[in-house]
C-alpha atoms as a PDB file:
ATOM      1  CA  MET A   1     -16.491   4.078  -8.198  1.00  0.00           C
ATOM      2  CA  ALA A   2     -14.114   6.819  -9.273  1.00  0.00           C
ATOM      3  CA  SER A   3     -10.708   6.988  -7.630  1.00  0.00           C
ATOM      4  CA  SER A   4     -10.268   9.336  -4.688  1.00  0.00           C
ATOM      5  CA  ILE A   5      -6.756  10.162  -5.924  1.00  0.00           C
ATOM      6  CA  ARG A   6      -5.750  12.855  -8.414  1.00  0.00           C
ATOM      7  CA  VAL A   7      -2.114  13.197  -9.456  1.00  0.00           C
ATOM      8  CA  ARG A   8       0.013  15.421 -11.628  1.00  0.00           C
ATOM      9  CA  ALA A   9       3.557  14.116 -12.079  1.00  0.00           C
ATOM     10  CA  ILE A  10       5.944  15.985 -14.374  1.00  0.00           C
ATOM     11  CA  ALA A  11       9.514  14.943 -15.189  1.00  0.00           C
ATOM     12  CA  LYS A  12      11.853  17.946 -15.240  1.00  0.00           C
ATOM     13  CA  GLY A  13      15.461  17.071 -15.931  1.00  0.00           C
ATOM     14  CA  GLU A  14      16.696  14.651 -13.264  1.00  0.00           C
ATOM     15  CA  THR A  15      13.715  15.114 -10.937  1.00  0.00           C
ATOM     16  CA  THR A  16      10.016  14.395 -11.067  1.00  0.00           C
ATOM     17  CA  GLU A  17       7.624  16.780  -9.327  1.00  0.00           C
ATOM     18  CA  VAL A  18       4.460  15.191  -7.957  1.00  0.00           C
ATOM     19  CA  GLN A  19       1.284  16.967  -6.815  1.00  0.00           C
ATOM     20  CA  THR A  20      -1.527  14.894  -5.338  1.00  0.00           C
ATOM     21  CA  LEU A  21      -5.018  15.605  -4.046  1.00  0.00           C
ATOM     22  CA  ILE A  22      -6.855  12.876  -2.140  1.00  0.00           C
ATOM     23  CA  GLN A  23     -10.555  13.035  -1.340  1.00  0.00           C
ATOM     24  CA  HIS A  24     -10.985  11.749   2.206  1.00  0.00           C
ATOM     25  CA  PRO A  25     -12.888  13.086   5.258  1.00  0.00           C
ATOM     26  CA  MET A  26      -9.876  12.784   7.605  1.00  0.00           C
ATOM     27  CA  ASP A  27     -12.099  12.962  10.702  1.00  0.00           C
ATOM     28  CA  SER A  28     -10.098  13.147  13.933  1.00  0.00           C
ATOM     29  CA  GLY A  29     -12.767  11.772  16.263  1.00  0.00           C
ATOM     30  CA  PHE A  30     -12.693  15.006  18.312  1.00  0.00           C
ATOM     31  CA  ILE A  31     -15.283  17.016  16.347  1.00  0.00           C
ATOM     32  CA  LYS A  32     -18.998  17.020  17.126  1.00  0.00           C
ATOM     33  CA  ASN A  33     -21.837  17.014  14.606  1.00  0.00           C
ATOM     34  CA  ASP A  34     -24.943  19.248  14.743  1.00  0.00           C
ATOM     35  CA  LYS A  35     -26.500  16.954  17.384  1.00  0.00           C
ATOM     36  CA  GLY A  36     -23.495  17.281  19.682  1.00  0.00           C
ATOM     37  CA  GLU A  37     -22.306  13.716  19.005  1.00  0.00           C
ATOM     38  CA  PHE A  38     -18.677  12.982  18.225  1.00  0.00           C
ATOM     39  CA  ILE A  39     -17.985  12.061  14.597  1.00  0.00           C
ATOM     40  CA  PRO A  40     -16.016   8.775  14.678  1.00  0.00           C
ATOM     41  CA  ALA A  41     -12.356   8.944  13.678  1.00  0.00           C
ATOM     42  CA  HIS A  42     -11.795   8.175   9.978  1.00  0.00           C
ATOM     43  CA  PHE A  43      -8.380   9.073   8.594  1.00  0.00           C
ATOM     44  CA  ILE A  44      -5.636   7.839   6.274  1.00  0.00           C
ATOM     45  CA  THR A  45      -2.900   6.020   8.180  1.00  0.00           C
ATOM     46  CA  GLU A  46      -0.495   5.229   5.332  1.00  0.00           C
ATOM     47  CA  LEU A  47       0.150   6.869   1.970  1.00  0.00           C
ATOM     48  CA  THR A  48       2.616   5.310  -0.488  1.00  0.00           C
ATOM     49  CA  PHE A  49       4.004   6.390  -3.864  1.00  0.00           C
ATOM     50  CA  GLU A  50       5.907   3.882  -6.015  1.00  0.00           C
ATOM     51  CA  HIS A  51       7.877   4.665  -9.169  1.00  0.00           C
ATOM     52  CA  ASN A  52       8.184   1.537 -11.326  1.00  0.00           C
ATOM     53  CA  GLY A  53       7.609  -0.613  -8.208  1.00  0.00           C
ATOM     54  CA  ARG A  54      10.184   1.242  -6.028  1.00  0.00           C
ATOM     55  CA  PRO A  55       8.864   3.272  -3.067  1.00  0.00           C
ATOM     56  CA  VAL A  56       9.760   6.964  -3.447  1.00  0.00           C
ATOM     57  CA  PHE A  57       7.515   8.469  -0.737  1.00  0.00           C
ATOM     58  CA  ILE A  58       5.825   6.890   2.292  1.00  0.00           C
ATOM     59  CA  ALA A  59       3.822   8.854   4.853  1.00  0.00           C
ATOM     60  CA  ASP A  60       2.461   7.542   8.150  1.00  0.00           C
ATOM     61  CA  TRP A  61      -0.403   9.812   9.104  1.00  0.00           C
ATOM     62  CA  GLY A  62      -2.657  10.351  12.082  1.00  0.00           C
ATOM     63  CA  THR A  63      -5.555  12.588  13.012  1.00  0.00           C
ATOM     64  CA  ALA A  64      -3.721  15.889  12.476  1.00  0.00           C
ATOM     65  CA  VAL A  65      -4.003  15.882   8.663  1.00  0.00           C
ATOM     66  CA  SER A  66      -6.807  18.002   7.191  1.00  0.00           C
ATOM     67  CA  LYS A  67      -9.722  16.918   5.022  1.00  0.00           C
ATOM     68  CA  ASP A  68      -8.884  16.213   1.354  1.00  0.00           C
ATOM     69  CA  PRO A  69      -5.112  16.270   1.864  1.00  0.00           C
ATOM     70  CA  TYR A  70      -2.778  17.795  -0.725  1.00  0.00           C
ATOM     71  CA  VAL A  71       0.744  16.392  -1.032  1.00  0.00           C
ATOM     72  CA  LYS A  72       3.584  17.844  -3.078  1.00  0.00           C
ATOM     73  CA  PHE A  73       7.095  16.412  -3.328  1.00  0.00           C
ATOM     74  CA  ALA A  74       9.873  15.687  -5.814  1.00  0.00           C
ATOM     75  CA  PHE A  75      12.092  12.664  -6.339  1.00  0.00           C
ATOM     76  CA  LYS A  76      15.154  11.919  -8.433  1.00  0.00           C
ATOM     77  CA  GLY A  77      14.486   9.785 -11.465  1.00  0.00           C
ATOM     78  CA  GLY A  78      11.359   9.260 -13.448  1.00  0.00           C
ATOM     79  CA  ALA A  79      10.824   9.831 -17.115  1.00  0.00           C
ATOM     80  CA  LYS A  80       7.859  10.627 -19.297  1.00  0.00           C
ATOM     81  CA  GLY A  81       5.656   7.563 -19.600  1.00  0.00           C
ATOM     82  CA  ASP A  82       6.900   5.852 -16.415  1.00  0.00           C
ATOM     83  CA  ASP A  83       4.316   4.521 -13.961  1.00  0.00           C
ATOM     84  CA  LEU A  84       3.669   6.186 -10.604  1.00  0.00           C
ATOM     85  CA  LYS A  85       1.409   4.163  -8.299  1.00  0.00           C
ATOM     86  CA  VAL A  86      -0.308   5.889  -5.382  1.00  0.00           C
ATOM     87  CA  SER A  87      -2.100   3.981  -2.628  1.00  0.00           C
ATOM     88  CA  TRP A  88      -3.532   4.685   0.798  1.00  0.00           C
ATOM     89  CA  ILE A  89      -4.984   2.758   3.749  1.00  0.00           C
ATOM     90  CA  ASP A  90      -7.240   4.277   6.402  1.00  0.00           C
ATOM     91  CA  ASN A  91      -7.985   3.377  10.015  1.00  0.00           C
ATOM     92  CA  LYS A  92     -11.262   1.665   9.050  1.00  0.00           C
ATOM     93  CA  GLY A  93      -9.604  -0.676   6.547  1.00  0.00           C
ATOM     94  CA  GLY A  94     -10.554   1.395   3.505  1.00  0.00           C
ATOM     95  CA  THR A  95      -8.081   1.546   0.638  1.00  0.00           C
ATOM     96  CA  ASP A  96      -7.622   3.114  -2.742  1.00  0.00           C
ATOM     97  CA  SER A  97      -4.874   2.980  -5.309  1.00  0.00           C
ATOM     98  CA  ALA A  98      -4.306   4.282  -8.802  1.00  0.00           C
ATOM     99  CA  THR A  99      -1.490   4.263 -11.315  1.00  0.00           C
ATOM    100  CA  PHE A 100      -0.611   7.348 -13.305  1.00  0.00           C
ATOM    101  CA  LYS A 101       1.819   8.071 -16.128  1.00  0.00           C
ATOM    102  CA  ILE A 102       4.529  10.655 -15.573  1.00  0.00           C
ATOM    103  CA  GLN A 103       4.231  13.503 -18.068  1.00  0.00           C
END
């Protein structure tokens, strides 16, 4: 199975800029399908970014985040070739993680 995570991380001087797109339905549990039945809640609860094993960004999410979330942030440090690990956990126990090289 292909990863649900896509990342672009670019080191610029003292900071590293990270852009991430995650494929996930992010269903709130408050929307109905065509039959009028509620679609069960299914959303990411925790998103973590680690640079060389050190957490640089942690997000605790709920139902208010849209489908296929996009995250952009910057952190101090990081150099070309360093590892950036991204992982998430959802409310149904699903997980995904991937490691990317900083460009």
